Structure formats: structure tokens, C-alpha cells
């Protein structure tokens, strides 16, 4: 007698044999018994960067004639059934391996996209379907969107600026701002930081000290971290700093006068004599200019070679850029050694400055002040540049050699030994007069310019 019974998919064609009717009922043989399929392992959750390939595994035992399917749960999409790919996505494929006791079905996703993330379901098509889930997390490195972010900017000094930086990625990137040279960021006068966090960097009343490159850095833990460099240029009219407004030099020496400029855009810098033409390099002049740090600073120098009677007077350093123009005044005085009269007596004639009985100092300062007003963008650090001690000594040595007749310079005066004592006395008297002359110079300068150093 044969009995077939379908037990809810658990038994298939179970045959029971009774050899002697209903006797010996304990003697039977049942074959083709099929156990219910079961999952043997959990599906692992996987995190993978976008662009990589990923494989999800679903292990089943006792599968028999049942089939395994893969689905993307969030998209409600059937991807594969058994060995067949159902989706039209060319990046999806399925494979399996067979072991003695179970099979593993692998879902392959090539070149993973961010939209591939979510729950993936492995299902066995039993009467009551059996399912399990695994999660695919797709991480995306940060990417800065140039179209939504600030580019290089030029602003006037004193304006307010706002720099934007927009970045995408998964997880959402964190944005930080730093200066390219690692200097601090002045959000405003009272808020100075090493770095700033946020999509937007706002600076109030920007100054030339804030000029430079700023880095927008986006990171989310997924390499690589990315950054965007935004250059901030601050425009302002030229400014001048003059260390010495009044400069004295002995005849025959070289003398260098200098100005320091600050300007952006970079200014056109040059020297003139008074209102005369621009001074260029020549046998008489050496013009030098060097860029400082920061780059908006420039050091201007003019060397006057072999100073003589025609070199004293007004010199101007001029700086121009599209935002404005300024100039500074430097007055050069040339001093001369004492001269001798035909009688053999020595007199000390002052040739410092121009015209009048008040020229024992640095010239007619009233006339200078009326003709050359001080520019509001020009700062004068000090008004007197005395020649160095070594130059003074050299100058006095030349003077004494001329007086005593012991010098080797061409044209030096030669006197008899009988006049030697008188010559020395005159030289000493002339030297003693120098402090008085300097005091007179100081008084004249202070009276004319109302200087703080007085």
C-alpha cells in the first residue's frame, strides 16, 4: 500500500510499505524526505566607498528545488532570481557556490553608486517566504561645488566680505576655513581665531592685514579630504613712510635717501627733484626698489653719488596706483669744509640750505613748509638723519688734512710750518663750533615743522 502526502512543502512523496497487510506495522521504509530550507549565516552589513565593487552573500542549506532571490528593499526592486538577473542594471550580477551542506548566493554590484545604499533582502520561496536583510552603506568622499562656492575676490579696505564654500558627500562634509599661511583669521576686531567652521566665512571691515589666500577644507572621514583656495585681495591707495625727512651729507660723499610704500594694487614708484622730471639710473643717481613682506610693501632707495653744491634741495618719492597717489618730501643739505682767505686766515662759511641769514641750520624751513604740504598718507618717522660717526670722522680728517697741508687729496692747501700752530687753532675752533651749529639746526627745524621729537 502506498501513501503520498504533501506536508506543507516539508515532505515530498513519502511512501510507506506494509509487507504483510496490517501486521508488522513497525516495519516500514520512508524515503525522499526533504527538510525545510534554512539560512546558515546572517548577511553582513557592508560599507564601501562609491566607485568600488561590492559582494553580498546569502548562505542557505537544504535548498532542494526552492529558489533564492535578491531584492533592493528601499527601491522595491527584484534584482535576481536563482541564476537569472531580473534588473536591467548592467552593474548587477549573481553567482553561487556549492558546498556539501549548503549553498551561498552572491549578489555583485560593480562601480557602486550612492543610490545603491540601503537594505538588501535575500528570500527563499517557501510557502511562507523566508527572508533576511543586509545593509549596504555607500560613503562618498567630499566634493566642493565650485559653482556654489566663492571664487577669488577683490574688495576695498574697510568693506565687509562673505566667502561661501559648498560641498557634497556622504556623510555630509564638515567645512573649515584656514589661511594659507597659517596666520590667524580676524572675523572682526574683537574675534580672532586660528580656524573657522561653517559653510560661510564673514569678515567685517577687512584690512590689508587680512589680504591673502583662504582655504576652504571639506572632510567627512572618507578620504581624500578636499580643499579650495580663495584669494582675497584688498585694494587701498598708496601710503608712504619716510624715516628721515631731513638728510645732511658732506661734499664728496655718496648719500642714500629712502621711502617705504604700501599700496595695492602695486604702485608705480619713482623719484623726482622737486617738481622736476623722474630720476633714472645714471652716473649721478642709483635707483633701487625691493618688494617687502607682505608683497604690498616696497622699499625705495635713491643714492646720490659724489654729493656736490648742485645736489642739495628737495627730493620727492612718489607712489601711484588706481586707488590714489601720494608723495613724500626729503630735503638734502650738503656741507662743505672750511675755506681759506688770501690773508692766510681761515673762515667757516655755511653752505647748508638756501639764501638768508637764517640758513645756519637746514635752510629756510618756512618757505619749504609753504611750498610742500605734508600728504595725509605720508608718515615721517624722524626729521633728521645725521651722518654716521665713521663718516663724520672721515669728513673731519679730510678737513684737518686740508687745514694742515698733510692730506694727499688733489687741491689740498699747503701751508708753511710757521703757520702750523695757527692752522691747528683754527681747526680746533671750527670743530668747537659744530655743536652750536647743530643746536641752531635743531631749533630751526623744530620751529618750522612743530616736530614731536622736539
Foldseek 3Di string as FASTA:
>chain_A
DFDADCDQVQAGRWTWDDPPPPPPSVDTDTDRGAHDKDWDDAWEAEEDEAQAKDKIKTKMFSLPPKWKWKDFVVVRGTQAIHQGGDDPPPQWHWDWDDDPTIIMIMIMGGRHDQVSWHKMKMWIPGVPIDIHIYTYHYWYWKDKDPVQWDAADEEAAQAKDKTFIDIDIPPRWKKKKAFPVQDWAPQDPVDIGSMGTDRMRIRGRHHQVNFHKMKIWIGDPDDDIDIDIYGYHYFDWKFKEFAAQEEEDEAQAKDKGKMKMAGPPAWDKFKDFPPHDTDDDDPFKDWDKDADPPRRMMMTMIIGGRDDLVPFHWMKMKIGDPNGIDIGIHTYFYFYAWDADPVRDIDHDGPAEDDDPLRLARYQLQVVCVVDPHDPRYHYNYHYDYDDPVSVVVVLVVNLCLLQVVDPDPPRDHDDPVCNVVSVVVSVVVVVCVVVSHVSNVVNVCVRPVDPVD
